[in-house]
């Protein structure tokens, strides 16, 4: 049991979540702004 498969997986590819993580402070407020605009548009349309 001298072979450790965990070491090989770390060097293969980068994780998709880790590549997106730096952009989260920009994505969450932008998504919130879009959601508020959509909800306001729906409210004005129904009024």
PDB file of N, CA and C in Angstrom:
ATOM      1  N   UNK A   1       0.808  -1.191   0.000  1.00  0.00           N
ATOM      2  CA  UNK A   1       0.000   0.000   0.000  1.00  0.00           C
ATOM      3  C   UNK A   1       0.857   1.265   0.000  1.00  0.00           C
ATOM      4  N   UNK A   2       1.871   1.289  -0.817  1.00  0.00           N
ATOM      5  CA  UNK A   2       2.725   2.467  -0.877  1.00  0.00           C
ATOM      6  C   UNK A   2       2.169   3.532  -1.822  1.00  0.00           C
ATOM      7  N   UNK A   3       1.142   3.177  -2.591  1.00  0.00           N
ATOM      8  CA  UNK A   3       0.556   4.117  -3.542  1.00  0.00           C
ATOM      9  C   UNK A   3      -0.628   4.834  -2.894  1.00  0.00           C
ATOM     10  N   UNK A   4      -0.597   6.161  -2.899  1.00  0.00           N
ATOM     11  CA  UNK A   4      -1.678   6.949  -2.313  1.00  0.00           C
ATOM     12  C   UNK A   4      -2.457   7.629  -3.443  1.00  0.00           C
ATOM     13  N   UNK A   5      -3.689   7.188  -3.737  1.00  0.00           N
ATOM     14  CA  UNK A   5      -4.445   7.764  -4.865  1.00  0.00           C
ATOM     15  C   UNK A   5      -4.874   9.210  -4.638  1.00  0.00           C
ATOM     16  N   UNK A   6      -4.914   9.662  -3.414  1.00  0.00           N
ATOM     17  CA  UNK A   6      -5.337  11.036  -3.138  1.00  0.00           C
ATOM     18  C   UNK A   6      -4.320  12.039  -3.668  1.00  0.00           C
ATOM     19  N   UNK A   7      -3.048  11.722  -3.610  1.00  0.00           N
ATOM     20  CA  UNK A   7      -2.013  12.632  -4.094  1.00  0.00           C
ATOM     21  C   UNK A   7      -2.113  12.829  -5.603  1.00  0.00           C
ATOM     22  N   UNK A   8      -2.463  11.812  -6.342  1.00  0.00           N
ATOM     23  CA  UNK A   8      -2.571  11.935  -7.791  1.00  0.00           C
ATOM     24  C   UNK A   8      -3.771  12.778  -8.202  1.00  0.00           C
ATOM     25  N   UNK A   9      -4.881  12.686  -7.479  1.00  0.00           N
ATOM     26  CA  UNK A   9      -6.070  13.440  -7.842  1.00  0.00           C
ATOM     27  C   UNK A   9      -5.872  14.935  -7.650  1.00  0.00           C
ATOM     28  N   UNK A  10      -5.045  15.338  -6.712  1.00  0.00           N
ATOM     29  CA  UNK A  10      -4.834  16.760  -6.452  1.00  0.00           C
ATOM     30  C   UNK A  10      -4.092  17.426  -7.605  1.00  0.00           C
ATOM     31  N   UNK A  11      -3.233  16.700  -8.284  1.00  0.00           N
ATOM     32  CA  UNK A  11      -2.431  17.293  -9.346  1.00  0.00           C
ATOM     33  C   UNK A  11      -3.104  17.211 -10.713  1.00  0.00           C
ATOM     34  N   UNK A  12      -4.190  16.481 -10.845  1.00  0.00           N
ATOM     35  CA  UNK A  12      -4.791  16.267 -12.163  1.00  0.00           C
ATOM     36  C   UNK A  12      -5.452  17.531 -12.716  1.00  0.00           C
ATOM     37  N   UNK A  13      -6.531  17.971 -12.085  1.00  0.00           N
ATOM     38  CA  UNK A  13      -7.257  19.131 -12.590  1.00  0.00           C
ATOM     39  C   UNK A  13      -7.682  20.014 -11.432  1.00  0.00           C
ATOM     40  N   UNK A  14      -7.979  21.270 -11.747  1.00  0.00           N
ATOM     41  CA  UNK A  14      -8.485  22.160 -10.712  1.00  0.00           C
ATOM     42  C   UNK A  14      -9.990  21.957 -10.590  1.00  0.00           C
ATOM     43  N   UNK A  15     -10.498  22.186  -9.406  1.00  0.00           N
ATOM     44  CA  UNK A  15     -11.909  21.999  -9.132  1.00  0.00           C
ATOM     45  C   UNK A  15     -12.709  23.147  -9.739  1.00  0.00           C
ATOM     46  N   UNK A  16     -13.899  22.865 -10.260  1.00  0.00           N
ATOM     47  CA  UNK A  16     -14.734  23.895 -10.868  1.00  0.00           C
ATOM     48  C   UNK A  16     -15.179  24.922  -9.837  1.00  0.00           C
ATOM     49  N   UNK A  17     -15.471  24.477  -8.633  1.00  0.00           N
ATOM     50  CA  UNK A  17     -15.909  25.396  -7.581  1.00  0.00           C
ATOM     51  C   UNK A  17     -14.776  26.344  -7.197  1.00  0.00           C
ATOM     52  N   UNK A  18     -13.560  25.823  -7.124  1.00  0.00           N
ATOM     53  CA  UNK A  18     -12.419  26.665  -6.773  1.00  0.00           C
ATOM     54  C   UNK A  18     -12.126  27.705  -7.844  1.00  0.00           C
ATOM     55  N   UNK A  19     -12.450  27.432  -9.084  1.00  0.00           N
ATOM     56  CA  UNK A  19     -12.205  28.408 -10.143  1.00  0.00           C
ATOM     57  C   UNK A  19     -13.233  29.534 -10.127  1.00  0.00           C
ATOM     58  N   UNK A  20     -14.437  29.272  -9.575  1.00  0.00           N
ATOM     59  CA  UNK A  20     -15.504  30.276  -9.534  1.00  0.00           C
ATOM     60  C   UNK A  20     -15.431  31.111  -8.264  1.00  0.00           C
ATOM     61  N   UNK A  21     -14.864  30.566  -7.200  1.00  0.00           N
ATOM     62  CA  UNK A  21     -14.874  31.200  -5.883  1.00  0.00           C
ATOM     63  C   UNK A  21     -14.394  32.657  -5.871  1.00  0.00           C
ATOM     64  N   UNK A  22     -13.350  33.063  -6.591  1.00  0.00           N
ATOM     65  CA  UNK A  22     -12.931  34.476  -6.526  1.00  0.00           C
ATOM     66  C   UNK A  22     -13.973  35.454  -7.059  1.00  0.00           C
ATOM     67  N   UNK A  23     -14.903  34.985  -7.878  1.00  0.00           N
ATOM     68  CA  UNK A  23     -15.892  35.874  -8.486  1.00  0.00           C
ATOM     69  C   UNK A  23     -17.175  35.996  -7.677  1.00  0.00           C
ATOM     70  N   UNK A  24     -17.293  35.248  -6.583  1.00  0.00           N
ATOM     71  CA  UNK A  24     -18.522  35.244  -5.794  1.00  0.00           C
ATOM     72  C   UNK A  24     -18.889  36.633  -5.260  1.00  0.00           C
ATOM     73  N   UNK A  25     -17.949  37.461  -4.782  1.00  0.00           N
ATOM     74  CA  UNK A  25     -18.355  38.799  -4.307  1.00  0.00           C
ATOM     75  C   UNK A  25     -18.968  39.677  -5.394  1.00  0.00           C
ATOM     76  N   UNK A  26     -18.745  39.365  -6.656  1.00  0.00           N
ATOM     77  CA  UNK A  26     -19.359  40.130  -7.742  1.00  0.00           C
ATOM     78  C   UNK A  26     -20.643  39.480  -8.237  1.00  0.00           C
ATOM     79  N   UNK A  27     -20.695  38.163  -8.207  1.00  0.00           N
ATOM     80  CA  UNK A  27     -21.842  37.442  -8.764  1.00  0.00           C
ATOM     81  C   UNK A  27     -23.076  37.584  -7.878  1.00  0.00           C
ATOM     82  N   UNK A  28     -22.915  37.475  -6.556  1.00  0.00           N
ATOM     83  CA  UNK A  28     -24.071  37.500  -5.653  1.00  0.00           C
ATOM     84  C   UNK A  28     -24.788  38.855  -5.691  1.00  0.00           C
ATOM     85  N   UNK A  29     -24.094  39.996  -5.562  1.00  0.00           N
ATOM     86  CA  UNK A  29     -24.828  41.274  -5.663  1.00  0.00           C
ATOM     87  C   UNK A  29     -25.435  41.505  -7.043  1.00  0.00           C
ATOM     88  N   UNK A  30     -24.748  41.056  -8.089  1.00  0.00           N
ATOM     89  CA  UNK A  30     -25.293  41.214  -9.429  1.00  0.00           C
ATOM     90  C   UNK A  30     -26.573  40.388  -9.595  1.00  0.00           C
ATOM     91  N   UNK A  31     -26.556  39.178  -9.077  1.00  0.00           N
ATOM     92  CA  UNK A  31     -27.760  38.340  -9.132  1.00  0.00           C
ATOM     93  C   UNK A  31     -28.891  38.963  -8.317  1.00  0.00           C
ATOM     94  N   UNK A  32     -28.564  39.574  -7.178  1.00  0.00           N
ATOM     95  CA  UNK A  32     -29.574  40.250  -6.369  1.00  0.00           C
ATOM     96  C   UNK A  32     -30.181  41.435  -7.092  1.00  0.00           C
ATOM     97  N   UNK A  33     -29.347  42.193  -7.782  1.00  0.00           N
ATOM     98  CA  UNK A  33     -29.856  43.348  -8.531  1.00  0.00           C
ATOM     99  C   UNK A  33     -30.771  42.909  -9.671  1.00  0.00           C
ATOM    100  N   UNK A  34     -30.383  41.865 -10.363  1.00  0.00           N
ATOM    101  CA  UNK A  34     -31.219  41.343 -11.449  1.00  0.00           C
ATOM    102  C   UNK A  34     -32.540  40.827 -10.893  1.00  0.00           C
ATOM    103  N   UNK A  35     -32.493  40.141  -9.753  1.00  0.00           N
ATOM    104  CA  UNK A  35     -33.712  39.612  -9.143  1.00  0.00           C
ATOM    105  C   UNK A  35     -34.645  40.743  -8.718  1.00  0.00           C
ATOM    106  N   UNK A  36     -34.102  41.814  -8.135  1.00  0.00           N
ATOM    107  CA  UNK A  36     -34.935  42.949  -7.735  1.00  0.00           C
ATOM    108  C   UNK A  36     -35.568  43.617  -8.949  1.00  0.00           C
ATOM    109  N   UNK A  37     -34.807  43.749 -10.037  1.00  0.00           N
ATOM    110  CA  UNK A  37     -35.357  44.346 -11.250  1.00  0.00           C
ATOM    111  C   UNK A  37     -36.491  43.496 -11.815  1.00  0.00           C
ATOM    112  N   UNK A  38     -36.294  42.193 -11.833  1.00  0.00           N
ATOM    113  CA  UNK A  38     -37.334  41.300 -12.363  1.00  0.00           C
ATOM    114  C   UNK A  38     -38.590  41.360 -11.497  1.00  0.00           C
ATOM    115  N   UNK A  39     -38.414  41.326 -10.168  1.00  0.00           N
ATOM    116  CA  UNK A  39     -39.577  41.386  -9.281  1.00  0.00           C
ATOM    117  C   UNK A  39     -40.283  42.728  -9.383  1.00  0.00           C
ATOM    118  N   UNK A  40     -39.544  43.831  -9.502  1.00  0.00           N
ATOM    119  CA  UNK A  40     -40.175  45.139  -9.664  1.00  0.00           C
ATOM    120  C   UNK A  40     -40.926  45.217 -11.001  1.00  0.00           C
ATOM    121  N   UNK A  41     -40.343  44.652 -12.036  1.00  0.00           N
ATOM    122  CA  UNK A  41     -41.011  44.639 -13.343  1.00  0.00           C
ATOM    123  C   UNK A  41     -42.328  43.867 -13.295  1.00  0.00           C
ATOM    124  N   UNK A  42     -42.307  42.740 -12.599  1.00  0.00           N
ATOM    125  CA  UNK A  42     -43.537  41.931 -12.439  1.00  0.00           C
ATOM    126  C   UNK A  42     -44.565  42.708 -11.638  1.00  0.00           C
ATOM    127  N   UNK A  43     -44.147  43.377 -10.565  1.00  0.00           N
ATOM    128  CA  UNK A  43     -45.084  44.127  -9.723  1.00  0.00           C
ATOM    129  C   UNK A  43     -45.713  45.278 -10.497  1.00  0.00           C
ATOM    130  N   UNK A  44     -44.923  45.999 -11.289  1.00  0.00           N
ATOM    131  CA  UNK A  44     -45.453  47.112 -12.083  1.00  0.00           C
ATOM    132  C   UNK A  44     -46.380  46.601 -13.172  1.00  0.00           C
ATOM    133  N   UNK A  45     -46.050  45.479 -13.766  1.00  0.00           N
ATOM    134  CA  UNK A  45     -46.884  44.916 -14.825  1.00  0.00           C
ATOM    135  C   UNK A  45     -48.234  44.472 -14.279  1.00  0.00           C
ATOM    136  N   UNK A  46     -48.238  43.890 -13.073  1.00  0.00           N
ATOM    137  CA  UNK A  46     -49.506  43.409 -12.514  1.00  0.00           C
ATOM    138  C   UNK A  46     -50.354  44.540 -11.921  1.00  0.00           C
ATOM    139  N   UNK A  47     -49.739  45.669 -11.605  1.00  0.00           N
ATOM    140  CA  UNK A  47     -50.479  46.769 -10.965  1.00  0.00           C
ATOM    141  C   UNK A  47     -51.362  47.526 -11.945  1.00  0.00           C
TER     142      UNK A  47
END
